[in-house]
Protein backbone atom coordinates (compact mmCIF):
# COMPACT_ATOMS: atom_id res chain seq x y z
CA MET A 1 -0.93 -25.26 -0.41
CA VAL A 2 0.60 -24.23 2.92
CA PRO A 3 3.93 -26.03 3.40
CA GLN A 4 3.42 -29.32 5.21
CA THR A 5 6.59 -28.74 7.24
CA THR A 6 5.03 -25.89 9.20
CA ALA A 7 3.81 -26.63 12.68
CA GLU A 8 0.06 -26.78 13.18
CA THR A 9 -2.08 -25.62 16.07
CA GLN A 10 -5.72 -26.72 16.31
CA ILE A 11 -7.80 -23.92 17.88
CA ASP A 12 -11.31 -25.25 17.41
CA GLN A 13 -12.92 -27.75 15.10
CA GLY A 14 -12.81 -25.43 12.09
CA LEU A 15 -9.88 -23.17 12.92
CA ARG A 16 -6.25 -24.14 12.29
CA ILE A 17 -3.09 -22.11 12.61
CA LEU A 18 -0.25 -23.23 10.34
CA GLY A 19 3.11 -21.76 11.15
CA PRO A 20 6.00 -22.25 13.55
CA PRO A 21 4.85 -21.42 17.09
CA ASN A 22 7.07 -19.19 19.22
CA PRO A 23 6.68 -16.94 22.28
CA GLU A 24 5.67 -14.00 20.06
CA SER A 25 2.87 -15.93 18.36
CA GLU A 26 1.55 -17.11 21.73
CA LYS A 27 1.06 -13.47 22.76
CA VAL A 28 -0.69 -12.55 19.52
CA LEU A 29 -2.58 -15.67 18.45
CA THR A 30 -4.48 -16.24 21.66
CA PRO A 31 -7.61 -18.41 21.56
CA GLN A 32 -9.77 -15.32 22.07
CA ALA A 33 -8.03 -13.30 19.35
CA THR A 34 -8.11 -16.07 16.75
CA ALA A 35 -11.74 -16.82 17.58
CA PHE A 36 -12.56 -13.15 16.95
CA VAL A 37 -10.80 -13.26 13.56
CA ALA A 38 -12.52 -16.55 12.69
CA GLY A 39 -15.88 -14.97 13.45
CA LEU A 40 -15.19 -12.13 11.03
CA VAL A 41 -14.00 -14.61 8.41
CA ARG A 42 -17.07 -16.84 8.66
CA ARG A 43 -19.34 -13.85 8.39
CA PHE A 44 -17.61 -11.91 5.61
CA ALA A 45 -15.28 -14.18 3.58
CA PRO A 46 -18.04 -15.23 1.14
CA ARG A 47 -18.61 -11.55 0.35
CA VAL A 48 -14.90 -11.09 -0.32
CA VAL A 49 -15.01 -13.90 -2.89
CA GLN A 50 -18.04 -12.31 -4.56
CA LEU A 51 -16.31 -8.93 -4.78
CA LEU A 52 -13.21 -10.50 -6.33
CA ASP A 53 -15.41 -12.21 -8.91
CA HIS A 54 -16.95 -8.80 -9.61
CA ARG A 55 -13.47 -7.35 -10.17
CA ARG A 56 -12.71 -10.03 -12.75
CA GLU A 57 -15.98 -9.36 -14.56
CA LEU A 58 -15.24 -5.64 -14.77
CA GLN A 59 -11.69 -6.26 -16.01
CA ALA A 60 -13.06 -8.51 -18.75
CA ARG A 61 -15.26 -5.63 -19.85
CA ARG A 62 -12.24 -3.29 -19.82
CA ASP A 63 -10.30 -5.80 -21.93
CA ALA A 64 -13.22 -5.80 -24.37
CA GLY A 65 -12.93 -2.03 -24.78
CA GLU A 66 -15.30 -0.57 -22.17
CA ARG A 67 -13.91 2.65 -20.68
CA PRO A 68 -14.30 3.54 -16.98
CA ASP A 69 -16.88 6.23 -16.17
CA PHE A 70 -18.74 7.76 -13.25
CA PRO A 71 -21.63 5.38 -12.35
CA SER A 72 -24.96 6.69 -13.59
CA GLU A 73 -26.87 4.78 -10.89
CA THR A 74 -25.23 6.84 -8.12
CA GLN A 75 -25.62 10.27 -9.75
CA ASP A 76 -28.20 11.35 -7.14
CA LEU A 77 -25.77 10.47 -4.35
CA ARG A 78 -23.04 12.58 -5.95
CA ASP A 79 -25.44 15.51 -6.40
CA ASP A 80 -26.88 15.35 -2.87
CA THR A 81 -25.58 17.24 0.15
CA TRP A 82 -24.23 15.07 2.94
CA PHE A 83 -21.17 14.94 5.19
CA ILE A 84 -19.03 12.35 6.90
CA ALA A 85 -19.17 12.12 10.70
CA PRO A 86 -16.98 14.56 12.66
CA LEU A 87 -13.41 13.44 13.25
CA PRO A 88 -11.81 12.93 16.67
CA ALA A 89 -9.33 15.52 17.92
CA ASP A 90 -6.20 13.54 17.08
CA LEU A 91 -7.20 13.19 13.42
CA GLN A 92 -7.93 16.88 12.84
CA ASP A 93 -4.32 17.82 12.08
CA ARG A 94 -2.64 15.35 9.71
CA ARG A 95 -0.28 17.68 7.89
CA VAL A 96 2.60 15.18 7.77
CA GLU A 97 2.13 11.42 7.81
CA ILE A 98 4.99 8.94 7.72
CA THR A 99 4.54 5.37 6.55
CA GLY A 100 6.57 2.22 6.80
CA PRO A 101 6.47 -1.48 7.60
CA ALA A 102 5.08 -2.72 10.92
CA GLU A 103 8.53 -3.58 12.25
CA PRO A 104 9.79 -2.64 15.76
CA LYS A 105 12.57 -0.25 14.75
CA MET A 106 10.43 1.49 12.14
CA ILE A 107 7.49 1.80 14.53
CA ILE A 108 9.61 3.47 17.21
CA ASN A 109 11.43 5.81 14.82
CA ALA A 110 8.22 6.81 13.04
CA LEU A 111 6.27 7.47 16.23
CA ASN A 112 9.18 9.62 17.43
CA SER A 113 9.72 11.35 14.07
CA GLY A 114 7.70 14.52 14.64
CA ALA A 115 5.10 13.48 12.09
CA SER A 116 1.42 14.00 12.87
CA VAL A 117 0.50 10.40 12.00
CA PHE A 118 2.36 7.14 11.52
CA MET A 119 0.78 4.46 9.35
CA ALA A 120 2.15 1.02 10.28
CA ASP A 121 1.94 -1.04 7.14
CA PHE A 122 1.10 -4.72 6.68
CA GLU A 123 0.64 -4.24 2.94
CA ASP A 124 2.97 -2.81 0.28
CA SER A 125 6.03 -2.26 2.48
CA LEU A 126 5.94 -5.52 4.47
CA SER A 127 6.93 -8.91 3.09
CA PRO A 128 4.22 -11.20 4.54
CA THR A 129 6.37 -13.87 6.10
CA TRP A 130 4.70 -15.48 9.09
CA GLU A 131 7.42 -14.10 11.34
CA ASN A 132 6.95 -10.55 10.01
CA LEU A 133 3.18 -10.64 10.46
CA VAL A 134 3.25 -11.98 14.02
CA ARG A 135 6.13 -9.76 15.07
CA GLY A 136 4.42 -6.74 13.56
CA GLN A 137 1.19 -7.35 15.46
CA LEU A 138 3.10 -7.84 18.72
CA ALA A 139 5.16 -4.69 18.13
CA LEU A 140 2.01 -2.61 17.59
CA LYS A 141 0.44 -4.08 20.71
CA GLN A 142 3.55 -3.10 22.67
CA ALA A 143 3.59 0.35 21.08
CA VAL A 144 0.00 0.95 22.17
CA GLU A 145 0.89 -0.27 25.67
CA GLY A 146 3.99 1.95 25.68
CA THR A 147 6.33 -0.99 26.33
CA ILE A 148 7.96 -1.39 22.90
CA HIS A 149 11.76 -1.55 22.94
CA HIS A 150 14.22 -2.57 20.25
CA VAL A 151 17.94 -3.31 20.16
CA ASP A 152 19.64 -3.28 16.76
CA ALA A 153 21.45 -6.60 16.45
CA ALA A 154 24.13 -5.13 14.17
CA THR A 155 24.99 -1.97 16.13
CA GLY A 156 23.69 -2.61 19.63
CA LYS A 157 21.80 0.69 19.50
CA GLU A 158 18.65 0.82 21.65
CA TYR A 159 15.35 2.31 20.51
CA SER A 160 12.45 3.35 22.73
CA LEU A 161 9.47 5.70 22.62
CA GLY A 162 9.82 9.39 23.36
CA SER A 163 7.31 11.68 25.02
CA ARG A 164 5.68 13.20 21.91
CA LEU A 165 4.31 10.56 19.58
CA ALA A 166 2.53 10.54 16.25
CA THR A 167 -1.05 9.29 16.10
CA LEU A 168 -1.01 5.61 15.15
CA MET A 169 -2.80 4.13 12.16
CA MET A 170 -2.38 0.72 10.52
CA ARG A 171 -2.91 -0.59 7.01
CA PRO A 172 -4.12 -4.18 6.51
CA ARG A 173 -3.54 -6.06 3.30
CA GLY A 174 -6.03 -5.70 0.45
CA TRP A 175 -9.09 -7.81 -0.31
CA HIS A 176 -7.23 -9.68 -3.07
CA LEU A 177 -4.76 -11.37 -0.69
CA PHE A 178 -5.24 -14.45 1.49
CA GLU A 179 -3.34 -15.57 4.57
CA LYS A 180 -2.51 -19.25 4.13
CA HIS A 181 -1.15 -19.78 7.63
CA MET A 182 -4.66 -19.54 9.06
CA LEU A 183 -7.45 -21.81 7.86
CA VAL A 184 -11.09 -21.41 8.78
CA ASP A 185 -13.27 -24.34 7.81
CA GLY A 186 -10.51 -25.57 5.52
CA ARG A 187 -9.93 -22.34 3.59
CA PRO A 188 -7.21 -19.65 3.85
CA VAL A 189 -8.60 -16.48 5.39
CA PRO A 190 -8.80 -13.06 3.72
CA ALA A 191 -5.57 -11.36 4.76
CA ALA A 192 -7.42 -8.09 5.32
CA LEU A 193 -9.59 -9.66 8.02
CA PHE A 194 -6.57 -11.38 9.59
CA ASP A 195 -4.57 -8.15 9.84
CA PHE A 196 -7.44 -5.90 10.90
CA GLY A 197 -8.99 -8.43 13.26
CA LEU A 198 -5.83 -9.04 15.28
CA TYR A 199 -5.02 -5.33 15.48
CA PHE A 200 -8.53 -4.38 16.57
CA PHE A 201 -8.81 -7.20 19.10
CA HIS A 202 -5.56 -6.39 20.86
CA ASN A 203 -5.62 -2.60 20.72
CA ALA A 204 -9.06 -1.03 20.22
CA CYS A 205 -10.11 -0.70 23.86
CA ARG A 206 -6.77 0.61 25.09
CA LEU A 207 -6.56 3.12 22.25
CA LEU A 208 -10.04 4.42 23.01
CA ALA A 209 -9.29 4.62 26.74
CA GLU A 210 -6.28 6.78 25.94
CA GLY A 211 -8.32 9.24 23.90
CA THR A 212 -7.42 7.97 20.44
CA GLY A 213 -8.90 5.05 18.52
CA PRO A 214 -8.45 2.15 16.12
CA TYR A 215 -7.58 4.08 12.96
CA VAL A 216 -6.85 2.34 9.67
CA TYR A 217 -5.89 2.95 6.05
CA LEU A 218 -7.71 0.83 3.46
CA PRO A 219 -5.79 -0.13 0.29
CA LYS A 220 -6.63 -1.18 -3.26
CA LEU A 221 -10.41 -0.65 -3.19
CA GLU A 222 -11.94 -0.82 -6.65
CA SER A 223 -15.55 0.10 -5.88
CA HIS A 224 -17.87 1.53 -3.27
CA LEU A 225 -19.19 -2.01 -2.76
CA GLU A 226 -15.79 -2.94 -1.33
CA ALA A 227 -15.99 0.09 0.98
CA ARG A 228 -19.48 -1.06 2.02
CA LEU A 229 -18.05 -4.42 3.07
CA TRP A 230 -15.38 -2.74 5.17
CA ASN A 231 -18.09 -0.65 6.84
CA GLU A 232 -20.01 -3.80 7.77
CA VAL A 233 -16.82 -5.36 9.13
CA PHE A 234 -16.30 -2.27 11.30
CA LEU A 235 -19.87 -2.37 12.61
CA GLN A 236 -19.58 -6.05 13.49
CA ALA A 237 -16.21 -5.62 15.25
CA GLN A 238 -17.56 -2.76 17.33
CA ARG A 239 -20.73 -4.68 18.24
CA GLU A 240 -18.68 -7.61 19.53
CA PHE A 241 -16.75 -5.26 21.81
CA GLY A 242 -19.85 -3.38 22.94
CA LEU A 243 -18.71 -0.20 21.19
CA PRO A 244 -21.00 2.23 19.41
CA PRO A 245 -20.56 2.79 15.67
CA GLY A 246 -18.02 5.30 14.49
CA ARG A 247 -15.15 4.53 16.84
CA ILE A 248 -13.12 3.05 13.99
CA LYS A 249 -11.92 5.67 11.52
CA ALA A 250 -10.68 4.72 8.05
CA THR A 251 -8.87 6.64 5.33
CA VAL A 252 -9.25 5.08 1.89
CA LEU A 253 -6.40 5.14 -0.59
CA ILE A 254 -7.60 6.15 -4.03
CA GLU A 255 -4.99 4.05 -5.80
CA THR A 256 -6.97 2.22 -8.46
CA LEU A 257 -8.45 3.65 -11.63
CA PRO A 258 -12.02 2.46 -10.87
CA ALA A 259 -11.94 4.04 -7.41
CA ALA A 260 -11.16 7.44 -8.92
CA PHE A 261 -14.63 7.39 -10.47
CA GLN A 262 -16.33 6.53 -7.16
CA MET A 263 -14.80 8.84 -4.56
CA ASP A 264 -18.13 10.25 -3.39
CA GLU A 265 -19.61 6.78 -3.18
CA ILE A 266 -16.68 5.41 -1.17
CA LEU A 267 -16.89 8.26 1.34
CA TYR A 268 -20.65 7.75 1.59
CA GLU A 269 -20.41 4.03 2.36
CA LEU A 270 -17.93 4.72 5.17
CA ARG A 271 -19.37 8.06 6.24
CA GLU A 272 -19.66 7.33 9.99
CA HIS A 273 -16.23 5.69 9.91
CA SER A 274 -14.55 7.85 7.28
CA ALA A 275 -11.37 9.84 7.88
CA GLY A 276 -10.97 10.97 4.27
CA LEU A 277 -9.17 9.90 1.12
CA ASN A 278 -5.52 9.72 0.08
CA LEU A 279 -4.15 9.72 -3.46
CA GLY A 280 -1.88 6.68 -3.72
CA ARG A 281 0.03 7.85 -6.76
CA TRP A 282 2.28 4.83 -7.38
CA ASP A 283 -0.43 2.19 -7.16
CA TYR A 284 -2.69 4.48 -9.20
CA ILE A 285 -0.17 4.47 -12.07
CA PHE A 286 0.11 0.67 -11.79
CA SER A 287 -3.68 0.33 -11.82
CA PHE A 288 -3.93 2.58 -14.89
CA ILE A 289 -1.56 0.28 -16.77
CA LYS A 290 -3.29 -2.88 -15.59
CA MET A 291 -6.86 -1.70 -16.23
CA MET A 292 -6.07 -0.41 -19.73
CA ARG A 293 -3.70 -3.27 -20.59
CA ALA A 294 -5.57 -4.34 -23.71
CA GLU A 295 -5.46 -0.94 -25.44
CA PRO A 296 -2.43 -0.28 -27.67
CA GLY A 297 -3.18 3.43 -27.52
CA MET A 298 -2.73 3.58 -23.73
CA VAL A 299 0.95 2.63 -23.49
CA LEU A 300 2.71 4.78 -20.89
CA PRO A 301 6.12 6.49 -21.05
CA ASP A 302 9.03 5.91 -18.67
CA ARG A 303 8.02 5.74 -15.04
CA ALA A 304 10.27 8.73 -14.25
CA ARG A 305 8.24 10.87 -16.65
CA ILE A 306 4.88 10.09 -15.00
CA THR A 307 4.98 12.94 -12.50
CA MET A 308 2.12 14.62 -10.67
CA ASP A 309 2.17 17.35 -13.34
CA GLN A 310 0.78 14.88 -15.88
CA PRO A 311 -2.83 15.88 -16.64
CA PHE A 312 -4.45 12.55 -15.64
CA LEU A 313 -2.81 12.63 -12.20
CA ARG A 314 -3.48 16.32 -11.71
CA ALA A 315 -7.14 15.79 -12.55
CA CYS A 316 -7.37 12.96 -10.02
CA ARG A 317 -5.71 15.07 -7.34
CA GLN A 318 -7.97 18.08 -7.94
CA LEU A 319 -11.09 15.90 -7.94
CA LEU A 320 -10.07 14.18 -4.71
CA ILE A 321 -9.64 17.52 -2.93
CA ARG A 322 -12.96 18.85 -4.18
CA VAL A 323 -14.89 15.68 -3.24
CA CYS A 324 -13.32 15.38 0.21
CA HIS A 325 -13.75 19.02 1.19
CA ARG A 326 -17.33 19.09 -0.03
CA ARG A 327 -18.05 16.17 2.37
CA GLY A 328 -16.06 17.55 5.33
CA ALA A 329 -13.27 15.03 4.88
CA HIS A 330 -9.49 15.28 4.78
CA ALA A 331 -7.79 15.09 1.37
CA MET A 332 -4.35 13.60 1.87
CA GLY A 333 -1.48 14.01 -0.57
CA GLY A 334 0.79 11.35 -1.98
CA MET A 335 4.07 9.74 -1.05
CA ALA A 336 7.49 11.36 -1.30
CA ALA A 337 9.66 8.30 -1.89
CA GLN A 338 13.00 10.13 -1.77
CA ILE A 339 15.51 9.20 0.91
CA PRO A 340 18.67 11.04 2.03
CA VAL A 341 21.60 10.71 -0.38
CA LYS A 342 24.60 9.98 1.79
CA ASN A 343 28.06 11.28 0.85
CA ASP A 344 26.70 13.40 -2.00
CA PRO A 345 25.49 16.81 -0.74
CA GLU A 346 24.61 18.06 -4.22
CA ALA A 347 22.42 15.04 -5.05
CA ASP A 348 20.85 15.22 -1.59
CA SER A 349 20.03 18.90 -2.06
CA LYS A 350 18.40 18.22 -5.43
CA ALA A 351 16.31 15.40 -3.94
CA LEU A 352 15.09 17.67 -1.13
CA GLU A 353 14.20 20.39 -3.62
CA ARG A 354 12.04 17.91 -5.52
CA VAL A 355 10.30 17.00 -2.28
CA ARG A 356 9.72 20.67 -1.45
CA ALA A 357 8.26 21.39 -4.88
CA ASP A 358 5.97 18.36 -4.68
CA LYS A 359 4.71 19.24 -1.20
CA MET A 360 4.26 22.91 -2.06
CA ARG A 361 2.10 21.92 -5.03
CA GLU A 362 -0.03 19.69 -2.77
CA ALA A 363 -0.41 22.32 -0.07
CA LEU A 364 -1.36 25.10 -2.49
CA ASP A 365 -3.85 22.84 -4.27
CA GLY A 366 -5.65 22.28 -0.97
CA HIS A 367 -4.41 19.00 0.46
CA ASP A 368 -4.71 18.74 4.23
CA GLY A 369 -1.53 16.75 4.66
CA THR A 370 0.96 14.55 2.88
CA TRP A 371 3.01 11.34 3.08
CA VAL A 372 6.73 10.79 3.46
CA ALA A 373 8.71 7.55 3.59
CA HIS A 374 11.71 8.65 5.67
CA PRO A 375 11.97 10.53 9.00
CA ALA A 376 14.45 12.98 7.45
CA LEU A 377 11.67 14.28 5.19
CA VAL A 378 9.26 15.06 8.03
CA PRO A 379 10.73 18.55 8.74
CA VAL A 380 10.78 19.37 5.02
CA ALA A 381 7.11 18.52 4.53
CA ARG A 382 6.09 20.10 7.83
CA GLU A 383 7.76 23.39 6.90
CA ILE A 384 5.72 23.57 3.70
CA PHE A 385 2.36 22.75 5.31
CA ASP A 386 3.03 24.90 8.38
CA GLY A 387 3.56 27.83 6.05
CA THR A 388 0.38 27.16 4.07
CA LEU A 389 -2.28 25.91 6.47
CA LYS A 390 -4.11 28.55 8.51
CA GLY A 391 -5.51 25.93 10.87
CA PRO A 392 -5.30 22.16 11.37
CA HIS A 393 -6.50 21.51 7.79
CA GLN A 394 -7.85 23.19 4.65
CA ILE A 395 -11.32 21.67 4.44
CA GLU A 396 -12.73 25.18 4.07
CA LYS A 397 -10.99 25.33 0.67
CA LYS A 398 -13.87 23.84 -1.35
CA ARG A 399 -12.36 24.04 -4.86
CA ARG A 400 -15.81 24.53 -6.44
CA GLU A 401 -14.14 25.66 -9.67
CA VAL A 402 -12.77 22.15 -10.26
CA VAL A 403 -14.67 20.23 -12.93
CA VAL A 404 -13.33 16.80 -13.88
CA VAL A 405 -14.90 14.56 -16.51
CA ALA A 406 -14.06 10.98 -17.38
CA GLU A 407 -11.80 11.99 -20.26
CA ASP A 408 -9.62 13.99 -17.86
CA LEU A 409 -8.89 10.92 -15.76
CA MET A 410 -8.11 8.88 -18.88
CA ARG A 411 -5.72 11.30 -20.60
CA LEU A 412 -2.57 9.45 -21.67
CA PRO A 413 0.62 10.70 -19.97
CA GLN A 414 3.11 12.23 -22.38
CA GLY A 415 6.82 11.42 -22.59
CA GLU A 416 9.38 9.13 -24.12
CA ARG A 417 10.01 5.45 -23.60
CA THR A 418 13.73 4.95 -23.35
CA GLU A 419 16.23 2.12 -23.10
CA GLU A 420 17.33 3.49 -19.73
CA GLY A 421 13.71 3.43 -18.55
CA LEU A 422 13.46 -0.21 -19.59
CA ARG A 423 16.73 -1.03 -17.86
CA HIS A 424 15.64 0.75 -14.70
CA ASN A 425 12.39 -1.21 -14.60
CA VAL A 426 14.25 -4.51 -14.89
CA ARG A 427 16.93 -3.58 -12.38
CA VAL A 428 14.54 -2.25 -9.75
CA GLY A 429 11.88 -4.90 -10.29
CA VAL A 430 14.24 -7.84 -9.82
CA GLN A 431 16.06 -6.30 -6.86
CA TYR A 432 12.82 -5.48 -5.09
CA LEU A 433 11.47 -9.00 -5.59
CA GLU A 434 14.74 -10.46 -4.31
CA ALA A 435 14.48 -8.43 -1.11
CA TRP A 436 10.77 -9.30 -0.74
CA LEU A 437 11.55 -13.01 -1.00
CA ARG A 438 14.12 -12.59 1.77
CA GLY A 439 11.49 -10.97 3.98
CA SER A 440 12.04 -7.25 3.37
CA GLY A 441 9.19 -5.31 1.75
CA CYS A 442 10.62 -1.78 1.92
CA VAL A 443 13.88 -1.39 0.01
CA PRO A 444 16.10 1.66 -0.65
CA LEU A 445 17.24 1.53 -4.29
CA TYR A 446 18.96 4.34 -6.18
CA HIS A 447 17.94 7.02 -3.64
CA LEU A 448 14.25 6.05 -3.59
CA MET A 449 12.31 3.91 -1.15
CA GLU A 450 10.78 1.16 -3.25
CA ASP A 451 7.82 -0.94 -2.18
CA ALA A 452 5.39 -3.31 -3.88
CA ALA A 453 3.56 -0.45 -5.59
CA THR A 454 6.63 0.83 -7.43
CA ALA A 455 7.68 -2.72 -8.28
CA GLU A 456 4.24 -3.22 -9.81
CA ILE A 457 4.87 -0.28 -12.13
CA SER A 458 8.21 -1.76 -13.17
CA ARG A 459 6.88 -5.17 -14.13
CA THR A 460 3.60 -3.98 -15.72
CA GLN A 461 5.43 -1.40 -17.83
CA VAL A 462 7.76 -4.05 -19.25
CA TRP A 463 4.74 -6.31 -19.90
CA GLN A 464 2.81 -3.48 -21.58
CA TRP A 465 5.72 -2.40 -23.77
CA LEU A 466 6.32 -6.00 -24.84
CA ARG A 467 2.66 -6.78 -25.41
CA HIS A 468 2.11 -3.81 -27.72
CA GLY A 469 5.57 -3.65 -29.29
CA ALA A 470 6.06 -0.11 -27.99
CA ARG A 471 8.88 1.83 -29.61
CA LEU A 472 11.70 3.39 -27.66
CA ALA A 473 12.90 6.93 -28.29
CA ASP A 474 15.56 5.60 -30.68
CA GLY A 475 12.92 3.88 -32.82
CA ARG A 476 13.53 0.28 -31.73
CA PRO A 477 10.47 -1.78 -30.77
CA VAL A 478 10.51 -3.52 -27.41
CA THR A 479 10.84 -7.22 -28.20
CA LEU A 480 11.41 -10.37 -26.18
CA PRO A 481 15.03 -10.76 -27.38
CA LEU A 482 15.75 -7.14 -26.42
CA VAL A 483 14.23 -7.57 -22.94
CA ARG A 484 16.21 -10.77 -22.36
CA GLU A 485 19.43 -9.16 -23.52
CA ILE A 486 18.87 -6.17 -21.25
CA THR A 487 17.94 -8.43 -18.34
CA ASP A 488 21.19 -10.36 -18.71
CA GLN A 489 23.16 -7.11 -18.73
CA GLU A 490 21.30 -5.62 -15.79
CA MET A 491 21.83 -8.75 -13.71
CA ASP A 492 25.55 -8.41 -14.38
CA ARG A 493 25.31 -4.80 -13.19
CA VAL A 494 23.43 -5.77 -10.04
CA ARG A 495 25.98 -8.49 -9.31
CA SER A 496 28.71 -5.90 -9.59
CA GLU A 497 26.86 -3.44 -7.36
CA VAL A 498 25.98 -5.84 -4.54
CA GLY A 499 29.07 -8.05 -4.81
CA PRO A 500 29.41 -11.68 -5.94
CA ARG A 501 29.00 -13.19 -2.46
CA ARG A 502 25.79 -11.27 -1.72
CA PHE A 503 24.48 -12.04 -5.21
CA GLU A 504 25.08 -15.78 -4.95
CA SER A 505 23.71 -16.07 -1.40
CA GLY A 506 20.56 -14.07 -2.17
CA ARG A 507 17.34 -14.84 -3.99
CA PHE A 508 18.27 -13.23 -7.30
CA ARG A 509 17.71 -16.35 -9.39
CA GLU A 510 14.17 -16.83 -8.06
CA ALA A 511 13.46 -13.09 -8.34
CA ARG A 512 14.64 -12.95 -11.94
CA ASP A 513 12.63 -16.03 -12.89
CA LEU A 514 9.49 -14.54 -11.35
CA PHE A 515 10.03 -11.12 -12.93
CA GLU A 516 10.50 -12.71 -16.37
CA ARG A 517 7.43 -14.87 -15.91
CA LEU A 518 5.34 -11.81 -14.97
CA THR A 519 6.61 -9.63 -17.81
CA THR A 520 6.52 -12.19 -20.63
CA SER A 521 3.29 -14.06 -19.87
CA GLU A 522 0.36 -13.79 -22.24
CA ASN A 523 -1.85 -12.25 -19.58
CA CYS A 524 -0.96 -9.44 -17.22
CA ALA A 525 -1.14 -10.82 -13.65
CA ASP A 526 -3.41 -8.84 -11.37
CA PHE A 527 -0.82 -8.46 -8.59
CA LEU A 528 2.81 -9.58 -8.38
CA THR A 529 2.36 -10.28 -4.66
CA ILE A 530 0.05 -13.24 -5.39
CA PRO A 531 2.59 -15.44 -7.25
CA ALA A 532 5.38 -13.99 -5.09
CA TYR A 533 3.54 -15.14 -1.97
CA GLU A 534 3.40 -18.70 -3.30
CA LEU A 535 7.15 -18.55 -3.90
CA LEU A 536 7.66 -17.10 -0.42
CA LEU A 537 5.84 -20.11 1.06
CA GLU A 538 8.03 -22.51 -0.92
CA ILE A 539 11.19 -20.79 0.31
CA HIS A 540 9.86 -20.84 3.86
CA SER A 541 9.14 -24.55 3.59
CA LEU A 542 12.66 -25.33 2.36
CA THR A 543 14.17 -23.20 5.11
CA LEU A 544 12.19 -25.07 7.75
CA LYS A 545 13.32 -28.42 6.37
CA ARG A 546 16.91 -27.28 6.64
CA GLY A 547 16.40 -26.05 10.18
CA GLY A 548 16.92 -22.44 9.23
CA LEU A 549 14.11 -20.99 11.33
């Protein structure tokens, strides 16, 4: 239920906006814009529900022991020769992409960062408060118009756009999430259609007039059928604006285990709108745990030991490059989550060396570009790809020698499970959830930029180790009493690190309760952001009652 204390705006007989109105929302949620979103919802929401039902059916088969495999019914498609549509000029060179939440300061800094592309995120790095969503849409509209300006309330520093900007992309939320502040015919709308629809409505025509376009990243797809639905959404949006097909370009994140077996099929479904694939390494690890949750023999080691050198991730990366380049598409590398280590030059130097090694491996393998989470890493990644690429990309590097079979993608990562790994999962998972519940979805913790994807690894690993009684390196099994003891100790540590006042005034109690519920429940929840969103709405409701907004 959407909190009853939120204000309500009636748009038409079947369309209701629930949420506190303000000048920002009036600029974003215009009658024309919301009518456009409602049209997409009425046309496509039933298909979203069907696809989510299909996901649950497939997971039930996984839980019963069925292993993922390449679909036999699409073998002819994989064997055939076909290509995606040619890419526009400003998506030819994508050697360094920076990502971050769709927030004004981040948008300005990222566009000015020297990166080739900036992906403004409404998904894993944005806490979906109503204020964040509306403000993010308005900030992107202003960025496209060239009018965005931001003043830091704490420092008074002003931020504005420079003369050389990255190409803009945006990432809507996944098909599994719903936006409860907008109801169409009495039902919450698919968050993906809400995010995409508003962005497209406000920005598509101006972007195209300026020689670029409405470019998007698509998260969490689990099958080519989900890509097919996105393609139909794109066609409908373009028809309503009188645009020919192919003006929207979409890069799909291969960040679920099922999607790794359908890369060709996903590119094919989006072929006139495709801008390639990207290996979303953190969500991919999370998906591996979740999909294989019922198998005692598939228990993973510490998160820190699941590097891109592990055979199952290397196989996925090599396959992605081969598939993309065979189809004329860009193969984008994964995220470097490191951030500068202040006041510790030695630790900072080691972190940068890890980034360089990671990016060198991607460039030499054949990736056409890579992701970073912090502007300070843009020059590091650019240096590597500038020294490797002979042109704007490496699509000519076909990697025909790569042969990947299902067993390669299912090979269990090797490494120890340690008490420190367990403690780290608890400490990071709770702190990330606490920040998310306060409205921040991108959190620097222990020299890494954490988002929902890394938090998902933390909580699913604890659940998996508990569920199967996994043994730590010292021989102890992971039990509920051990996890509770460690959680108590780690909360004491966090309290000491952040200070008693910050601890007591924050959302640590709610975050801990949610983390424990997720890690000790009988069933592994599909996504932590679903129950966390319900809690976010409750907190929002209480804040409104107290006059805090």
